Amino acid sequence: MIRINSQSGKGGVAWVLENDYGLNMPRWLQIDASRKVQARAEETAGELTPSQIWSVFEDAYLRAGGPDIQDFSLSQSNSEHDGQDQLSLHFALHGQAVALHGSGDGAISALLNGWRQHFGDKLYSTVIPRNVRLAEAPSHGLPVLYYDKQSKGALAYLALAGEILRRAQRSNNDNPQEQQVEPING
């Protein structure tokens, strides 16, 4: 029997979710999920059952206002697919059923490739990397562009802003009647 309370570590939460629900989480998710489970255990001042742990996981990651995930599978590296991880994800987005299939050098890469294949040009191509300076900026009460404008994270956000503006400009060029803006008299 595994007892999960506010003092439990990452391993116990990960073990319960893997053994009871078949969820094999990457390390970063084990750490984040563990914090959320520990917080719930503190709120209730007791131990959590596996179903309560699953409920915390669902609330945090599956019901967070995003797509309603219905099924997923991830098969990890094998020679059949040139060492690529294969992802299959079925979910509902705004009431529409969506099936994504992707492959990549890891789970995240497979997911991104599946998104790109399914949604195509509706996605932005700029990727915001994990970056220490980007993570530090909020603790200093500053946007990353004020904290360290030359960091990889800041430069990526600038690239995303440029991509958004270029897309908006192309959209305006395609719809000239939407470009007309009434001057403000005052």
C-alpha atoms as a PDB file:
ATOM      1  CA  MET A   1       0.000   0.000   0.000  1.00  0.00           C
ATOM      2  CA  ILE A   2       1.283   3.469  -0.929  1.00  0.00           C
ATOM      3  CA  ARG A   3       0.178   6.322   1.315  1.00  0.00           C
ATOM      4  CA  ILE A   4       0.155   9.776  -0.235  1.00  0.00           C
ATOM      5  CA  ASN A   5       0.046  12.804   2.039  1.00  0.00           C
ATOM      6  CA  SER A   6       1.503  16.302   2.087  1.00  0.00           C
ATOM      7  CA  GLN A   7       4.962  14.886   2.878  1.00  0.00           C
ATOM      8  CA  SER A   8       4.998  12.371   0.014  1.00  0.00           C
ATOM      9  CA  GLY A   9       7.563  12.648  -2.735  1.00  0.00           C
ATOM     10  CA  LYS A  10       7.237  12.587  -6.511  1.00  0.00           C
ATOM     11  CA  GLY A  11       7.761   8.839  -6.762  1.00  0.00           C
ATOM     12  CA  GLY A  12       4.629   7.861  -4.848  1.00  0.00           C
ATOM     13  CA  VAL A  13       2.315  10.003  -6.945  1.00  0.00           C
ATOM     14  CA  ALA A  14       3.947   8.819 -10.183  1.00  0.00           C
ATOM     15  CA  TRP A  15       3.723   5.188  -9.041  1.00  0.00           C
ATOM     16  CA  VAL A  16       0.005   5.456  -8.248  1.00  0.00           C
ATOM     17  CA  LEU A  17      -0.821   7.148 -11.552  1.00  0.00           C
ATOM     18  CA  GLU A  18       1.211   4.633 -13.540  1.00  0.00           C
ATOM     19  CA  ASN A  19       0.016   1.494 -11.756  1.00  0.00           C
ATOM     20  CA  ASP A  20      -3.636   2.427 -11.264  1.00  0.00           C
ATOM     21  CA  TYR A  21      -4.225   4.514 -14.406  1.00  0.00           C
ATOM     22  CA  GLY A  22      -1.484   3.452 -16.852  1.00  0.00           C
ATOM     23  CA  LEU A  23      -0.027   6.962 -16.975  1.00  0.00           C
ATOM     24  CA  ASN A  24       3.753   7.023 -17.414  1.00  0.00           C
ATOM     25  CA  MET A  25       4.679  10.669 -16.845  1.00  0.00           C
ATOM     26  CA  PRO A  26       7.851  12.479 -17.874  1.00  0.00           C
ATOM     27  CA  ARG A  27       9.973  13.739 -14.964  1.00  0.00           C
ATOM     28  CA  TRP A  28       8.830  17.376 -15.251  1.00  0.00           C
ATOM     29  CA  LEU A  29       5.194  16.285 -15.018  1.00  0.00           C
ATOM     30  CA  GLN A  30       5.931  14.016 -12.045  1.00  0.00           C
ATOM     31  CA  ILE A  31       7.369  17.024 -10.209  1.00  0.00           C
ATOM     32  CA  ASP A  32       4.473  19.343 -11.081  1.00  0.00           C
ATOM     33  CA  ALA A  33       1.755  16.757 -10.399  1.00  0.00           C
ATOM     34  CA  SER A  34       3.382  15.851  -7.093  1.00  0.00           C
ATOM     35  CA  ARG A  35       3.229  19.493  -5.969  1.00  0.00           C
ATOM     36  CA  LYS A  36      -0.453  19.673  -6.843  1.00  0.00           C
ATOM     37  CA  VAL A  37      -1.219  16.405  -5.026  1.00  0.00           C
ATOM     38  CA  GLN A  38       0.752  17.542  -1.957  1.00  0.00           C
ATOM     39  CA  ALA A  39      -1.191  20.816  -1.901  1.00  0.00           C
ATOM     40  CA  ARG A  40      -4.504  18.905  -2.004  1.00  0.00           C
ATOM     41  CA  ALA A  41      -3.298  16.622   0.807  1.00  0.00           C
ATOM     42  CA  GLU A  42      -2.460  19.699   2.881  1.00  0.00           C
ATOM     43  CA  GLU A  43      -5.923  21.158   2.192  1.00  0.00           C
ATOM     44  CA  THR A  44      -7.607  17.976   3.386  1.00  0.00           C
ATOM     45  CA  ALA A  45      -5.067  17.393   6.192  1.00  0.00           C
ATOM     46  CA  GLY A  46      -4.956  13.708   5.363  1.00  0.00           C
ATOM     47  CA  GLU A  47      -3.912  10.993   2.980  1.00  0.00           C
ATOM     48  CA  LEU A  48      -5.265  10.759  -0.552  1.00  0.00           C
ATOM     49  CA  THR A  49      -6.641   7.648  -2.196  1.00  0.00           C
ATOM     50  CA  PRO A  50      -5.653   6.744  -5.756  1.00  0.00           C
ATOM     51  CA  SER A  51      -9.013   8.043  -7.044  1.00  0.00           C
ATOM     52  CA  GLN A  52      -8.428  11.366  -5.248  1.00  0.00           C
ATOM     53  CA  ILE A  53      -4.944  11.583  -6.785  1.00  0.00           C
ATOM     54  CA  TRP A  54      -6.451  10.941 -10.219  1.00  0.00           C
ATOM     55  CA  SER A  55      -9.042  13.636  -9.536  1.00  0.00           C
ATOM     56  CA  VAL A  56      -6.250  16.146  -8.760  1.00  0.00           C
ATOM     57  CA  PHE A  57      -4.498  15.148 -12.005  1.00  0.00           C
ATOM     58  CA  GLU A  58      -7.715  15.491 -14.039  1.00  0.00           C
ATOM     59  CA  ASP A  59      -8.524  18.885 -12.527  1.00  0.00           C
ATOM     60  CA  ALA A  60      -5.020  20.215 -13.154  1.00  0.00           C
ATOM     61  CA  TYR A  61      -4.270  18.834 -16.603  1.00  0.00           C
ATOM     62  CA  LEU A  62      -7.336  17.397 -18.290  1.00  0.00           C
ATOM     63  CA  ARG A  63     -10.092  19.836 -17.289  1.00  0.00           C
ATOM     64  CA  ALA A  64      -8.065  23.016 -17.378  1.00  0.00           C
ATOM     65  CA  GLY A  65     -10.316  24.699 -19.954  1.00  0.00           C
ATOM     66  CA  GLY A  66      -8.534  23.150 -22.899  1.00  0.00           C
ATOM     67  CA  PRO A  67      -9.452  20.252 -25.129  1.00  0.00           C
ATOM     68  CA  ASP A  68     -11.426  17.344 -23.692  1.00  0.00           C
ATOM     69  CA  ILE A  69      -8.948  14.468 -24.051  1.00  0.00           C
ATOM     70  CA  GLN A  70     -10.745  11.231 -24.809  1.00  0.00           C
ATOM     71  CA  ASP A  71      -7.886   8.829 -25.593  1.00  0.00           C
ATOM     72  CA  PHE A  72      -4.158   8.888 -26.171  1.00  0.00           C
ATOM     73  CA  SER A  73      -1.310   6.488 -26.695  1.00  0.00           C
ATOM     74  CA  LEU A  74       2.417   6.923 -26.934  1.00  0.00           C
ATOM     75  CA  SER A  75       4.691   4.189 -28.166  1.00  0.00           C
ATOM     76  CA  GLN A  76       8.290   4.966 -27.475  1.00  0.00           C
ATOM     77  CA  SER A  77      11.283   4.531 -29.734  1.00  0.00           C
ATOM     78  CA  ASN A  78      11.555   1.352 -31.715  1.00  0.00           C
ATOM     79  CA  SER A  79      13.334   0.404 -34.900  1.00  0.00           C
ATOM     80  CA  GLU A  80      10.062   0.005 -36.816  1.00  0.00           C
ATOM     81  CA  HIS A  81       9.672   3.809 -36.920  1.00  0.00           C
ATOM     82  CA  ASP A  82      13.358   4.803 -37.167  1.00  0.00           C
ATOM     83  CA  GLY A  83      13.585   5.304 -33.406  1.00  0.00           C
ATOM     84  CA  GLN A  84      10.766   7.865 -33.416  1.00  0.00           C
ATOM     85  CA  ASP A  85       8.091   8.047 -30.723  1.00  0.00           C
ATOM     86  CA  GLN A  86       4.558   7.597 -32.076  1.00  0.00           C
ATOM     87  CA  LEU A  87       1.666   9.572 -30.571  1.00  0.00           C
ATOM     88  CA  SER A  88      -2.042   9.145 -31.112  1.00  0.00           C
ATOM     89  CA  LEU A  89      -4.369  11.631 -29.428  1.00  0.00           C
ATOM     90  CA  HIS A  90      -8.165  11.871 -29.680  1.00  0.00           C
ATOM     91  CA  PHE A  91      -9.952  14.840 -28.144  1.00  0.00           C
ATOM     92  CA  ALA A  92     -12.851  17.253 -28.539  1.00  0.00           C
ATOM     93  CA  LEU A  93     -12.090  20.902 -29.223  1.00  0.00           C
ATOM     94  CA  HIS A  94     -15.033  23.320 -29.227  1.00  0.00           C
ATOM     95  CA  GLY A  95     -17.356  20.346 -29.701  1.00  0.00           C
ATOM     96  CA  GLN A  96     -15.443  18.974 -32.713  1.00  0.00           C
ATOM     97  CA  ALA A  97     -13.780  15.545 -32.597  1.00  0.00           C
ATOM     98  CA  VAL A  98     -10.076  15.727 -33.429  1.00  0.00           C
ATOM     99  CA  ALA A  99      -7.616  12.894 -34.001  1.00  0.00           C
ATOM    100  CA  LEU A 100      -3.919  13.736 -34.005  1.00  0.00           C
ATOM    101  CA  HIS A 101      -1.164  11.379 -35.040  1.00  0.00           C
ATOM    102  CA  GLY A 102       2.474  12.389 -34.939  1.00  0.00           C
ATOM    103  CA  SER A 103       5.981  11.108 -34.536  1.00  0.00           C
ATOM    104  CA  GLY A 104       9.137  12.703 -33.238  1.00  0.00           C
ATOM    105  CA  ASP A 105      12.296  12.376 -31.190  1.00  0.00           C
ATOM    106  CA  GLY A 106      10.221  12.424 -28.001  1.00  0.00           C
ATOM    107  CA  ALA A 107       6.659  12.811 -26.749  1.00  0.00           C
ATOM    108  CA  ILE A 108       6.630  16.614 -27.085  1.00  0.00           C
ATOM    109  CA  SER A 109       8.125  16.506 -30.573  1.00  0.00           C
ATOM    110  CA  ALA A 110       5.560  13.875 -31.614  1.00  0.00           C
ATOM    111  CA  LEU A 111       2.730  16.028 -30.227  1.00  0.00           C
ATOM    112  CA  LEU A 112       3.968  19.169 -31.984  1.00  0.00           C
ATOM    113  CA  ASN A 113       4.323  17.311 -35.276  1.00  0.00           C
ATOM    114  CA  GLY A 114       0.791  15.931 -34.878  1.00  0.00           C
ATOM    115  CA  TRP A 115      -0.544  19.473 -34.212  1.00  0.00           C
ATOM    116  CA  ARG A 116       1.286  20.801 -37.263  1.00  0.00           C
ATOM    117  CA  GLN A 117      -0.012  18.017 -39.507  1.00  0.00           C
ATOM    118  CA  HIS A 118      -3.592  18.521 -38.345  1.00  0.00           C
ATOM    119  CA  PHE A 119      -3.830  22.303 -37.949  1.00  0.00           C
ATOM    120  CA  GLY A 120      -1.235  23.409 -40.517  1.00  0.00           C
ATOM    121  CA  ASP A 121      -1.020  27.170 -40.985  1.00  0.00           C
ATOM    122  CA  LYS A 122      -3.339  27.883 -38.050  1.00  0.00           C
ATOM    123  CA  LEU A 123      -0.331  27.375 -35.757  1.00  0.00           C
ATOM    124  CA  TYR A 124       2.530  29.771 -35.290  1.00  0.00           C
ATOM    125  CA  SER A 125       5.957  28.378 -36.126  1.00  0.00           C
ATOM    126  CA  THR A 126       7.834  30.273 -33.409  1.00  0.00           C
ATOM    127  CA  VAL A 127       8.708  28.103 -30.431  1.00  0.00           C
ATOM    128  CA  ILE A 128       9.274  29.682 -27.022  1.00  0.00           C
ATOM    129  CA  PRO A 129      12.141  27.694 -25.470  1.00  0.00           C
ATOM    130  CA  ARG A 130      12.570  26.830 -21.828  1.00  0.00           C
ATOM    131  CA  ASN A 131      14.943  29.458 -20.567  1.00  0.00           C
ATOM    132  CA  VAL A 132      16.305  30.397 -17.140  1.00  0.00           C
ATOM    133  CA  ARG A 133      16.007  34.142 -17.738  1.00  0.00           C
ATOM    134  CA  LEU A 134      12.424  33.689 -18.922  1.00  0.00           C
ATOM    135  CA  ALA A 135      11.618  31.777 -15.730  1.00  0.00           C
ATOM    136  CA  GLU A 136      13.355  34.331 -13.489  1.00  0.00           C
ATOM    137  CA  ALA A 137      11.686  37.462 -14.864  1.00  0.00           C
ATOM    138  CA  PRO A 138       8.309  37.109 -13.056  1.00  0.00           C
ATOM    139  CA  SER A 139      10.011  36.648  -9.676  1.00  0.00           C
ATOM    140  CA  HIS A 140      11.589  40.072 -10.243  1.00  0.00           C
ATOM    141  CA  GLY A 141       8.225  41.546 -11.207  1.00  0.00           C
ATOM    142  CA  LEU A 142       9.348  42.253 -14.756  1.00  0.00           C
ATOM    143  CA  PRO A 143       8.440  41.102 -18.243  1.00  0.00           C
ATOM    144  CA  VAL A 144      11.331  39.228 -19.805  1.00  0.00           C
ATOM    145  CA  LEU A 145      11.905  42.038 -22.313  1.00  0.00           C
ATOM    146  CA  TYR A 146      12.745  44.385 -19.424  1.00  0.00           C
ATOM    147  CA  TYR A 147      14.573  41.749 -17.388  1.00  0.00           C
ATOM    148  CA  ASP A 148      16.910  40.479 -20.139  1.00  0.00           C
ATOM    149  CA  LYS A 149      15.998  41.547 -23.655  1.00  0.00           C
ATOM    150  CA  GLN A 150      18.839  39.496 -25.183  1.00  0.00           C
ATOM    151  CA  SER A 151      17.835  36.177 -23.576  1.00  0.00           C
ATOM    152  CA  LYS A 152      16.671  33.358 -25.830  1.00  0.00           C
ATOM    153  CA  GLY A 153      13.197  33.573 -24.289  1.00  0.00           C
ATOM    154  CA  ALA A 154      12.881  37.327 -24.904  1.00  0.00           C
ATOM    155  CA  LEU A 155      14.119  36.972 -28.465  1.00  0.00           C
ATOM    156  CA  ALA A 156      11.627  34.147 -29.056  1.00  0.00           C
ATOM    157  CA  TYR A 157       8.750  36.315 -27.799  1.00  0.00           C
ATOM    158  CA  LEU A 158       9.868  39.099 -30.129  1.00  0.00           C
ATOM    159  CA  ALA A 159       9.956  36.606 -33.007  1.00  0.00           C
ATOM    160  CA  LEU A 160       6.420  35.464 -32.094  1.00  0.00           C
ATOM    161  CA  ALA A 161       5.209  39.082 -32.018  1.00  0.00           C
ATOM    162  CA  GLY A 162       6.723  39.598 -35.466  1.00  0.00           C
ATOM    163  CA  GLU A 163       5.038  36.451 -36.753  1.00  0.00           C
ATOM    164  CA  ILE A 164       1.671  37.599 -35.366  1.00  0.00           C
ATOM    165  CA  LEU A 165       2.064  41.035 -36.973  1.00  0.00           C
ATOM    166  CA  ARG A 166       3.080  39.558 -40.345  1.00  0.00           C
ATOM    167  CA  ARG A 167       0.092  37.212 -40.278  1.00  0.00           C
ATOM    168  CA  ALA A 168      -2.235  40.095 -39.392  1.00  0.00           C
ATOM    169  CA  GLN A 169      -0.766  42.203 -42.220  1.00  0.00           C
ATOM    170  CA  ARG A 170      -1.296  39.370 -44.728  1.00  0.00           C
ATOM    171  CA  SER A 171      -4.838  38.962 -43.463  1.00  0.00           C
ATOM    172  CA  ASN A 172      -5.477  42.699 -43.876  1.00  0.00           C
ATOM    173  CA  ASN A 173      -4.019  42.626 -47.391  1.00  0.00           C
ATOM    174  CA  ASP A 174      -6.399  39.770 -48.232  1.00  0.00           C
ATOM    175  CA  ASN A 175      -9.378  41.749 -46.849  1.00  0.00           C
ATOM    176  CA  PRO A 176      -8.786  45.431 -47.716  1.00  0.00           C
ATOM    177  CA  GLN A 177     -12.213  46.544 -46.482  1.00  0.00           C
ATOM    178  CA  GLU A 178     -11.202  45.446 -42.956  1.00  0.00           C
ATOM    179  CA  GLN A 179      -8.165  47.758 -43.101  1.00  0.00           C
ATOM    180  CA  GLN A 180     -10.192  50.937 -43.032  1.00  0.00           C
ATOM    181  CA  VAL A 181     -10.032  52.553 -39.622  1.00  0.00           C
ATOM    182  CA  GLU A 182     -12.130  55.571 -38.746  1.00  0.00           C
ATOM    183  CA  PRO A 183     -10.059  58.465 -37.387  1.00  0.00           C
ATOM    184  CA  ILE A 184     -10.724  59.516 -33.822  1.00  0.00           C
ATOM    185  CA  ASN A 185     -11.907  63.086 -33.587  1.00  0.00           C
ATOM    186  CA  GLY A 186     -11.399  64.687 -30.284  1.00  0.00           C
END
